[in-house]
């Protein structure tokens, strides 16, 4: 259980909270300081006497800590704001120090520092968003590539909740019919036959199974795909790493064996960031009596075994057969294409001239992120999948009870209520406080 997220009353308390909402730690075009709570307008008035009315924005003079700054102010009134409380945003010139000084002033004037995710938590408790949408906020902030951002936006837009609305309504209707039969059990009246009940439960279960099976897994999307460049010594791996990273990450030398340990760099591709690793060259003529060479070889082979993808790098001017690898390469690249004019293969590159580098980046992008997922594909996290699995288990038990001779409808109703509760957890309708604490504690300050 995280501090600050114990009960509904705590999150809808009388406190006015404030935080720097901008993600940038360095100078940027604009810095945002956000404040929410019933005293937000009173505290903001200590900074700016000419506050815009609720629902409007205005560029105004702000004074704090002996500074005079012109900034844009955005004012929202409860309950028509993101948090459901009065909310004010100061959009300042992009200096982090300026934002911190303003935040200090707001705290001194009566606000308190916001907990991680507290703005979004208040939005959830105010009914402005459900829990799945709140997770979409965190996922959008954390997205590193196109696939992650697309999945996060679907959560934020309420797509998961919208898709669950149908089976939840169907399940609630079925439960109502079963419970109606309980009320009239003395009169031998049945509101839903056994066959109809089985058909309804099968339909709901089939929908939930397809939703889970055809979804992307959000946790793997946050993993940074890795590529290891492997080949003979002096094959041009380090030069290729520098070219992809667009900076000198590895020392480059014409002397074979310059790379003695694994070096890595983040490389930004069209749809996200990948990690490219350069290792010591592999050579069949390794001197096993040399402890350093043996250790270099072991580190290189370990990197090959653990990376997501292996890229074999060959010198286009080297006629020797490819070096043997511990595992198959997904891509073979020939370097120094400018020195092998007329002989280089289509997948050849030249770090000196730039030949083939764009095509290589596209190939790495396709391997790392695959083809673009269908727009209908949802990304579910472990909490969503667990709730859906629990709901399906309850449906399965309800079917088993319904097929048991002499079993009363009360037991069926009990399992159907459990299934509804589990699906309600996805949307945050029925969610233990410790789960809420874990969800919102993953947010950064100011969101």
Protein backbone atom coordinates (compact mmCIF):
# COMPACT_ATOMS: atom_id res chain seq x y z
CA UNK A 1 0.00 0.00 0.00
CA UNK A 2 1.48 3.32 -1.04
CA UNK A 3 1.18 6.37 1.23
CA UNK A 4 -1.36 8.94 0.06
CA UNK A 5 -3.69 6.43 -1.62
CA UNK A 6 -5.55 4.84 1.27
CA UNK A 7 -9.17 5.79 0.72
CA UNK A 8 -11.52 7.69 -1.53
CA UNK A 9 -11.76 10.41 1.13
CA UNK A 10 -7.99 10.86 1.21
CA UNK A 11 -7.78 11.44 -2.53
CA UNK A 12 -10.74 13.86 -2.48
CA UNK A 13 -9.43 15.71 0.55
CA UNK A 14 -9.48 19.43 1.17
CA UNK A 15 -5.77 19.72 0.36
CA UNK A 16 -4.69 21.87 -2.55
CA UNK A 17 -1.86 20.14 -4.40
CA UNK A 18 0.77 21.57 -6.73
CA UNK A 19 3.58 20.19 -8.87
CA UNK A 20 5.69 20.85 -11.93
CA UNK A 21 3.80 19.04 -14.66
CA UNK A 22 6.40 19.36 -17.42
CA UNK A 23 8.48 16.27 -18.12
CA UNK A 24 11.52 18.21 -19.28
CA UNK A 25 14.37 18.48 -16.79
CA UNK A 26 16.37 20.83 -19.02
CA UNK A 27 15.33 24.14 -20.57
CA UNK A 28 12.36 23.73 -22.91
CA UNK A 29 9.96 25.93 -24.83
CA UNK A 30 7.53 25.97 -21.91
CA UNK A 31 7.35 24.79 -18.30
CA UNK A 32 4.00 23.95 -16.68
CA UNK A 33 3.16 24.24 -12.99
CA UNK A 34 -0.19 22.72 -12.08
CA UNK A 35 -2.32 23.31 -8.94
CA UNK A 36 -5.63 21.70 -7.96
CA UNK A 37 -7.91 22.00 -4.94
CA UNK A 38 -10.52 24.21 -3.35
CA UNK A 39 -7.93 26.91 -2.48
CA UNK A 40 -6.34 26.94 -5.93
CA UNK A 41 -7.76 30.30 -6.98
CA UNK A 42 -6.95 31.94 -3.65
CA UNK A 43 -3.33 30.75 -3.80
CA UNK A 44 -3.00 31.65 -7.48
CA UNK A 45 -4.19 35.17 -6.67
CA UNK A 46 -1.01 35.65 -4.63
CA UNK A 47 0.88 35.27 -7.91
CA UNK A 48 -1.43 36.99 -10.34
CA UNK A 49 -4.16 39.50 -9.45
CA UNK A 50 -5.80 39.27 -12.87
CA UNK A 51 -6.85 35.60 -12.95
CA UNK A 52 -8.91 34.55 -15.96
CA UNK A 53 -12.45 33.34 -15.25
CA UNK A 54 -13.08 29.57 -15.17
CA UNK A 55 -12.85 27.92 -18.55
CA UNK A 56 -10.63 30.60 -20.03
CA UNK A 57 -6.93 31.31 -20.56
CA UNK A 58 -5.09 34.59 -20.36
CA UNK A 59 -1.53 35.89 -20.63
CA UNK A 60 -0.92 37.87 -17.49
CA UNK A 61 1.78 39.35 -15.28
CA UNK A 62 2.87 37.04 -12.46
CA UNK A 63 4.89 38.13 -9.43
CA UNK A 64 6.63 35.74 -7.03
CA UNK A 65 9.96 35.62 -5.20
CA UNK A 66 10.79 39.17 -6.33
CA UNK A 67 10.37 38.09 -9.96
CA UNK A 68 8.00 39.54 -12.54
CA UNK A 69 7.12 37.08 -15.29
CA UNK A 70 4.50 37.09 -18.01
CA UNK A 71 2.88 33.68 -18.33
CA UNK A 72 -0.23 32.02 -19.71
CA UNK A 73 -2.78 31.01 -17.05
CA UNK A 74 -5.41 28.35 -17.67
CA UNK A 75 -8.25 28.17 -15.13
CA UNK A 76 -10.84 25.41 -14.71
CA UNK A 77 -13.61 25.25 -12.12
CA UNK A 78 -14.94 22.22 -10.25
CA UNK A 79 -16.44 19.91 -11.32
CA UNK A 80 -15.59 20.65 -14.95
CA UNK A 81 -11.85 20.06 -14.73
CA UNK A 82 -9.47 17.16 -15.15
CA UNK A 83 -9.36 16.49 -11.40
CA UNK A 84 -12.94 17.47 -10.61
CA UNK A 85 -11.59 20.28 -8.37
CA UNK A 86 -10.66 23.87 -9.18
CA UNK A 87 -7.52 23.57 -11.30
CA UNK A 88 -5.04 26.21 -12.49
CA UNK A 89 -2.04 25.80 -14.77
CA UNK A 90 0.83 28.30 -15.10
CA UNK A 91 2.56 28.02 -18.48
CA UNK A 92 5.92 29.71 -17.92
CA UNK A 93 8.92 30.48 -20.13
CA UNK A 94 10.94 27.29 -20.43
CA UNK A 95 13.33 27.50 -17.50
CA UNK A 96 13.20 24.67 -14.91
CA UNK A 97 14.56 26.95 -12.20
CA UNK A 98 11.72 29.41 -12.78
CA UNK A 99 9.18 26.61 -12.39
CA UNK A 100 10.77 25.41 -9.14
CA UNK A 101 10.74 28.94 -7.69
CA UNK A 102 7.02 29.32 -8.53
CA UNK A 103 6.26 25.90 -7.03
CA UNK A 104 8.06 26.90 -3.81
CA UNK A 105 5.92 30.05 -3.66
CA UNK A 106 2.67 28.06 -4.10
CA UNK A 107 3.69 25.64 -1.35
CA UNK A 108 4.51 28.51 0.99
CA UNK A 109 1.12 30.07 0.21
CA UNK A 110 -0.80 26.96 1.33
CA UNK A 111 -0.57 24.23 -1.27
CA UNK A 112 1.27 20.97 -0.67
CA UNK A 113 3.49 18.91 -2.96
CA UNK A 114 1.45 16.44 -5.02
CA UNK A 115 2.13 12.72 -4.67
CA UNK A 116 3.12 10.78 -7.81
CA UNK A 117 0.02 10.41 -9.97
CA UNK A 118 -2.20 12.35 -7.57
CA UNK A 119 -3.74 14.60 -10.22
CA UNK A 120 -4.83 11.57 -12.23
CA UNK A 121 -5.90 9.73 -9.06
CA UNK A 122 -8.19 12.64 -8.21
CA UNK A 123 -9.59 12.50 -11.74
CA UNK A 124 -10.33 8.81 -11.18
CA UNK A 125 -12.04 9.34 -7.81
CA UNK A 126 -14.03 12.25 -9.25
CA UNK A 127 -15.37 9.91 -11.95
CA UNK A 128 -13.71 11.86 -14.74
CA UNK A 129 -11.86 8.75 -15.97
CA UNK A 130 -11.88 5.05 -15.09
CA UNK A 131 -8.86 3.07 -13.92
CA UNK A 132 -7.98 1.68 -17.35
CA UNK A 133 -7.96 5.22 -18.75
CA UNK A 134 -5.77 6.34 -15.84
CA UNK A 135 -3.29 3.62 -16.77
CA UNK A 136 -3.42 5.00 -20.29
CA UNK A 137 -2.17 8.34 -18.96
CA UNK A 138 0.87 6.70 -17.37
CA UNK A 139 1.49 4.59 -20.45
CA UNK A 140 1.33 7.63 -22.74
CA UNK A 141 3.93 9.44 -20.64
CA UNK A 142 6.22 6.39 -20.62
CA UNK A 143 5.84 5.51 -24.33
CA UNK A 144 9.13 5.25 -26.21
CA UNK A 145 7.91 4.29 -29.65
CA UNK A 146 5.02 4.25 -32.08
CA UNK A 147 3.61 0.90 -30.93
CA UNK A 148 3.67 1.89 -27.26
CA UNK A 149 2.11 5.27 -27.95
CA UNK A 150 -0.66 3.78 -30.09
CA UNK A 151 -1.51 1.23 -27.38
CA UNK A 152 -1.40 3.87 -24.65
CA UNK A 153 -3.69 6.20 -26.57
CA UNK A 154 -6.28 3.44 -26.91
CA UNK A 155 -6.28 2.90 -23.15
CA UNK A 156 -6.48 6.66 -22.56
CA UNK A 157 -9.40 6.93 -24.99
CA UNK A 158 -11.32 4.31 -22.99
CA UNK A 159 -11.22 1.65 -25.69
CA UNK A 160 -10.74 -1.24 -23.25
CA UNK A 161 -13.63 -0.08 -21.07
CA UNK A 162 -15.81 0.39 -24.15
CA UNK A 163 -15.13 -3.15 -25.34
CA UNK A 164 -15.91 -4.60 -21.93
CA UNK A 165 -19.18 -2.73 -21.65
CA UNK A 166 -21.02 -5.25 -23.88
CA UNK A 167 -20.04 -8.43 -22.01
CA UNK A 168 -20.54 -6.69 -18.65
CA UNK A 169 -24.08 -5.67 -19.63
CA UNK A 170 -24.79 -9.15 -20.98
CA UNK A 171 -23.48 -10.72 -17.79
CA UNK A 172 -25.52 -8.35 -15.61
CA UNK A 173 -28.69 -9.19 -17.56
CA UNK A 174 -28.01 -12.91 -17.14
CA UNK A 175 -27.43 -12.50 -13.41
CA UNK A 176 -30.73 -10.58 -13.14
CA UNK A 177 -32.58 -13.46 -14.81
CA UNK A 178 -30.98 -16.03 -12.52
CA UNK A 179 -31.79 -13.98 -9.42
CA UNK A 180 -35.37 -13.46 -10.60
CA UNK A 181 -35.69 -17.23 -10.71
CA UNK A 182 -34.50 -17.39 -7.11
CA UNK A 183 -37.23 -14.94 -6.05
CA UNK A 184 -39.92 -17.11 -7.69
CA UNK A 185 -38.45 -20.50 -6.86
CA UNK A 186 -41.53 -21.47 -4.78
CA UNK A 187 -43.73 -20.98 -7.84
CA UNK A 188 -41.56 -23.14 -10.10
CA UNK A 189 -41.00 -20.25 -12.53
CA UNK A 190 -37.80 -20.14 -14.63
CA UNK A 191 -36.71 -16.91 -16.27
CA UNK A 192 -33.80 -18.50 -18.18
CA UNK A 193 -33.52 -22.11 -19.33
CA UNK A 194 -30.43 -24.20 -18.81
CA UNK A 195 -29.63 -24.16 -22.54
CA UNK A 196 -30.10 -20.41 -22.76
CA UNK A 197 -27.90 -19.86 -19.71
CA UNK A 198 -25.12 -22.02 -21.19
CA UNK A 199 -25.36 -20.17 -24.51
CA UNK A 200 -25.10 -16.78 -22.79
CA UNK A 201 -22.10 -17.83 -20.70
CA UNK A 202 -20.35 -19.34 -23.74
CA UNK A 203 -20.81 -16.09 -25.68
CA UNK A 204 -19.36 -13.98 -22.86
CA UNK A 205 -16.47 -16.37 -22.29
CA UNK A 206 -15.67 -16.49 -26.02
CA UNK A 207 -15.54 -12.69 -26.18
CA UNK A 208 -13.21 -12.46 -23.18
CA UNK A 209 -10.96 -15.21 -24.56
CA UNK A 210 -10.64 -13.45 -27.92
CA UNK A 211 -9.96 -10.12 -26.20
CA UNK A 212 -7.06 -11.62 -24.23
CA UNK A 213 -5.69 -13.83 -27.04
CA UNK A 214 -5.74 -11.12 -29.72
CA UNK A 215 -4.27 -8.35 -27.61
CA UNK A 216 -0.70 -7.16 -27.40
CA UNK A 217 1.04 -7.43 -24.05
CA UNK A 218 1.83 -4.00 -22.72
CA UNK A 219 4.81 -5.08 -20.59
CA UNK A 220 6.86 -6.39 -23.56
CA UNK A 221 6.15 -3.17 -25.45
CA UNK A 222 8.08 -1.26 -22.81
CA UNK A 223 11.11 -3.49 -23.35
CA UNK A 224 13.89 -1.88 -25.36
CA UNK A 225 14.74 -4.34 -28.19
CA UNK A 226 18.44 -5.16 -28.42
CA UNK A 227 20.68 -6.00 -31.38
CA UNK A 228 24.21 -7.35 -31.03
CA UNK A 229 26.72 -6.68 -33.82
CA UNK A 230 28.98 -9.70 -34.18
CA UNK A 231 31.67 -10.72 -36.64
CA UNK A 232 35.40 -11.09 -37.12
CA UNK A 233 37.84 -8.59 -35.61
CA UNK A 234 38.13 -5.41 -37.68
CA UNK A 235 34.89 -6.12 -39.57
CA UNK A 236 33.72 -2.56 -38.95
CA UNK A 237 31.31 -3.21 -36.09
CA UNK A 238 32.45 -0.26 -33.97
CA UNK A 239 32.31 2.12 -36.92
CA UNK A 240 28.82 0.88 -37.73
CA UNK A 241 27.72 1.38 -34.10
CA UNK A 242 28.97 4.98 -34.18
CA UNK A 243 27.18 5.61 -37.48
CA UNK A 244 23.87 4.25 -36.19
CA UNK A 245 24.16 6.13 -32.88
CA UNK A 246 25.31 9.27 -34.72
CA UNK A 247 28.03 9.80 -32.14
CA UNK A 248 31.41 8.29 -31.25
CA UNK A 249 30.36 5.62 -28.78
CA UNK A 250 33.12 3.12 -29.64
CA UNK A 251 36.83 3.64 -30.29
CA UNK A 252 37.62 2.96 -33.92
CA UNK A 253 41.00 1.71 -35.12
CA UNK A 254 42.42 -0.15 -38.09
CA UNK A 255 44.10 -2.45 -35.58
CA UNK A 256 42.05 -5.60 -35.06
CA UNK A 257 40.86 -6.28 -31.50
CA UNK A 258 40.33 -2.67 -30.41
CA UNK A 259 36.95 -3.56 -28.89
CA UNK A 260 37.69 -5.55 -25.75
CA UNK A 261 34.33 -5.43 -23.98
CA UNK A 262 30.67 -5.02 -24.91
CA UNK A 263 29.69 -1.42 -25.71
CA UNK A 264 26.14 -0.29 -26.33
CA UNK A 265 24.24 2.75 -27.53
CA UNK A 266 20.59 3.72 -27.84
CA UNK A 267 19.63 4.15 -31.48
CA UNK A 268 16.45 5.98 -32.43
CA UNK A 269 14.59 4.35 -35.29
CA UNK A 270 11.38 5.38 -37.01
CA UNK A 271 9.06 3.65 -34.51
CA UNK A 272 11.10 3.58 -31.33
CA UNK A 273 14.45 3.21 -29.61
CA UNK A 274 16.60 0.09 -29.73
CA UNK A 275 19.85 -0.83 -28.01
CA UNK A 276 22.72 -1.77 -30.33
CA UNK A 277 25.63 -3.68 -28.77
CA UNK A 278 29.15 -3.92 -30.16
CA UNK A 279 31.24 -6.86 -28.91
CA UNK A 280 34.78 -8.08 -29.42
CA UNK A 281 35.34 -9.87 -32.70
CA UNK A 282 34.94 -13.64 -32.86
CA UNK A 283 37.87 -15.55 -34.33
CA UNK A 284 38.53 -19.25 -34.80
CA UNK A 285 42.25 -18.59 -34.17
CA UNK A 286 41.57 -17.50 -30.57
CA UNK A 287 44.53 -18.11 -28.28
CA UNK A 288 42.82 -20.02 -25.45
CA UNK A 289 45.95 -19.70 -23.32
CA UNK A 290 45.51 -15.91 -23.21
CA UNK A 291 43.18 -15.16 -20.28
CA UNK A 292 42.19 -11.72 -21.60
CA UNK A 293 41.35 -12.99 -25.09
CA UNK A 294 39.40 -15.88 -23.61
CA UNK A 295 37.40 -13.50 -21.40
CA UNK A 296 36.70 -11.17 -24.34
CA UNK A 297 35.39 -14.13 -26.34
CA UNK A 298 33.19 -15.29 -23.45
CA UNK A 299 31.67 -11.81 -23.04
CA UNK A 300 30.97 -11.59 -26.78
CA UNK A 301 29.30 -14.99 -26.90
CA UNK A 302 27.21 -14.22 -23.83
CA UNK A 303 25.97 -11.00 -25.48
CA UNK A 304 25.09 -12.98 -28.62
CA UNK A 305 23.08 -15.47 -26.58
CA UNK A 306 21.14 -12.88 -24.57
CA UNK A 307 20.37 -10.18 -27.18
CA UNK A 308 16.99 -10.12 -28.88
CA UNK A 309 18.51 -10.13 -32.35
CA UNK A 310 21.91 -11.02 -33.81
CA UNK A 311 23.35 -9.06 -36.73
CA UNK A 312 26.33 -10.61 -38.50
CA UNK A 313 28.75 -7.94 -39.69
CA UNK A 314 31.13 -8.85 -42.51
CA UNK A 315 33.89 -6.88 -44.18
CA UNK A 316 32.92 -6.58 -47.87
CA UNK A 317 36.61 -6.78 -48.78
CA UNK A 318 37.18 -10.01 -46.79
CA UNK A 319 36.79 -13.18 -48.88
CA UNK A 320 36.91 -15.56 -45.92
CA UNK A 321 33.72 -17.49 -45.04
CA UNK A 322 31.53 -16.07 -42.26
CA UNK A 323 32.64 -16.70 -38.70
CA UNK A 324 30.69 -19.39 -36.86
CA UNK A 325 28.10 -17.94 -34.45
CA UNK A 326 26.53 -19.40 -31.29
CA UNK A 327 23.08 -18.72 -32.82
CA UNK A 328 21.70 -17.74 -36.21
CA UNK A 329 21.81 -14.12 -37.30
CA UNK A 330 18.59 -12.41 -38.37
CA UNK A 331 20.48 -10.02 -40.62
CA UNK A 332 23.81 -10.05 -42.47
CA UNK A 333 25.45 -6.71 -43.18
CA UNK A 334 28.55 -6.07 -45.30
CA UNK A 335 30.56 -3.03 -44.23
CA UNK A 336 33.10 -0.91 -46.14
CA UNK A 337 30.93 -0.98 -49.26
CA UNK A 338 32.81 2.05 -50.59
CA UNK A 339 35.97 -0.09 -50.74
CA UNK A 340 34.24 -2.93 -52.58
CA UNK A 341 32.59 -1.07 -55.44
CA UNK A 342 30.95 -3.49 -57.85
CA UNK A 343 31.24 -6.39 -55.43
CA UNK A 344 29.10 -5.28 -52.48
CA UNK A 345 25.82 -7.07 -51.95
CA UNK A 346 22.44 -5.29 -51.58
CA UNK A 347 22.68 -5.29 -47.77
CA UNK A 348 26.06 -3.54 -47.86
CA UNK A 349 26.69 -0.29 -45.96
CA UNK A 350 29.37 2.32 -45.78
CA UNK A 351 29.70 4.33 -42.59
CA UNK A 352 32.02 6.76 -44.43
CA UNK A 353 29.61 7.61 -47.29
CA UNK A 354 26.32 6.75 -45.61
CA UNK A 355 25.47 4.17 -48.27
CA UNK A 356 22.84 1.69 -47.08
CA UNK A 357 22.42 3.16 -43.60
CA UNK A 358 18.81 4.26 -44.17
CA UNK A 359 17.92 0.80 -45.47
CA UNK A 360 19.65 -0.76 -42.46
CA UNK A 361 17.66 1.42 -40.08
CA UNK A 362 14.42 0.33 -41.74
CA UNK A 363 15.46 -3.32 -41.48
CA UNK A 364 16.24 -2.94 -37.78
CA UNK A 365 12.93 -1.13 -37.26
CA UNK A 366 10.99 -3.98 -38.91
CA UNK A 367 12.81 -6.60 -36.82
CA UNK A 368 12.35 -4.71 -33.55
CA UNK A 369 8.76 -3.56 -33.91
CA UNK A 370 7.33 -5.80 -36.63
CA UNK A 371 4.57 -4.72 -38.91
CA UNK A 372 2.24 -2.06 -37.59
CA UNK A 373 -0.40 -3.64 -35.38
CA UNK A 374 -3.98 -3.42 -36.50
CA UNK A 375 -5.77 -0.40 -35.13
CA UNK A 376 -8.21 -2.74 -33.39
CA UNK A 377 -5.47 -4.39 -31.34
CA UNK A 378 -5.44 -3.46 -27.67
CA UNK A 379 -2.45 -3.63 -25.37
CA UNK A 380 -3.33 -5.14 -21.99
CA UNK A 381 -1.16 -5.13 -18.90
CA UNK A 382 -0.84 -7.90 -16.32
CA UNK A 383 -3.63 -6.44 -14.15
CA UNK A 384 -6.11 -6.46 -17.04
CA UNK A 385 -5.21 -10.00 -18.05
CA UNK A 386 -5.48 -11.30 -14.50
CA UNK A 387 -8.95 -9.77 -14.05
CA UNK A 388 -10.16 -11.25 -17.36
CA UNK A 389 -8.73 -14.67 -16.43
CA UNK A 390 -10.46 -14.55 -13.04
CA UNK A 391 -13.76 -13.60 -14.70
CA UNK A 392 -13.47 -16.52 -17.11
CA UNK A 393 -12.75 -18.89 -14.22
CA UNK A 394 -15.92 -17.71 -12.49
CA UNK A 395 -17.93 -18.24 -15.68
CA UNK A 396 -16.50 -21.76 -15.97
CA UNK A 397 -17.56 -22.57 -12.41
CA UNK A 398 -21.03 -21.15 -13.11
CA UNK A 399 -21.37 -23.50 -16.10
CA UNK A 400 -20.23 -26.45 -14.01
CA UNK A 401 -22.78 -25.63 -11.29
CA UNK A 402 -25.56 -25.21 -13.86
CA UNK A 403 -24.83 -28.71 -15.21
CA UNK A 404 -24.82 -30.30 -11.76
CA UNK A 405 -28.04 -32.09 -10.89
CA UNK A 406 -29.82 -30.60 -7.91
CA UNK A 407 -27.62 -27.46 -7.77
CA UNK A 408 -29.56 -24.37 -6.80
CA UNK A 409 -29.52 -21.09 -8.76
CA UNK A 410 -27.99 -19.35 -5.73
CA UNK A 411 -24.58 -20.89 -6.47
CA UNK A 412 -24.82 -19.87 -10.12
CA UNK A 413 -25.67 -16.32 -9.10
CA UNK A 414 -22.70 -16.27 -6.72
CA UNK A 415 -20.26 -17.15 -9.52
CA UNK A 416 -21.84 -14.63 -11.91
CA UNK A 417 -21.47 -11.89 -9.31
CA UNK A 418 -17.79 -12.84 -8.92
CA UNK A 419 -17.31 -12.63 -12.69
CA UNK A 420 -18.89 -9.16 -12.70
CA UNK A 421 -16.65 -8.07 -9.84
CA UNK A 422 -13.53 -9.24 -11.68
CA UNK A 423 -14.46 -7.33 -14.85
CA UNK A 424 -15.32 -4.32 -12.72
CA UNK A 425 -11.72 -4.37 -11.45
CA UNK A 426 -10.47 -3.53 -14.95
CA UNK A 427 -12.47 -0.31 -14.99
CA UNK A 428 -11.81 0.42 -11.33
CA UNK A 429 -15.42 -0.03 -10.24
CA UNK A 430 -14.41 -2.57 -7.60
CA UNK A 431 -10.71 -2.18 -6.81
CA UNK A 432 -8.87 -2.78 -3.51
CA UNK A 433 -7.00 0.23 -2.14
CA UNK A 434 -3.62 -1.53 -2.38
CA UNK A 435 -4.15 -2.01 -6.13
CA UNK A 436 -4.92 1.70 -6.51
CA UNK A 437 -1.75 2.50 -4.60
CA UNK A 438 0.37 0.40 -6.95
CA UNK A 439 -1.28 1.86 -10.08
CA UNK A 440 -0.87 5.53 -9.20
CA UNK A 441 2.55 5.15 -7.57
CA UNK A 442 3.95 4.34 -11.02
CA UNK A 443 3.16 7.87 -12.24
CA UNK A 444 5.65 10.69 -12.22
CA UNK A 445 5.11 13.79 -10.08
CA UNK A 446 2.73 16.34 -11.60
CA UNK A 447 0.53 13.89 -13.52
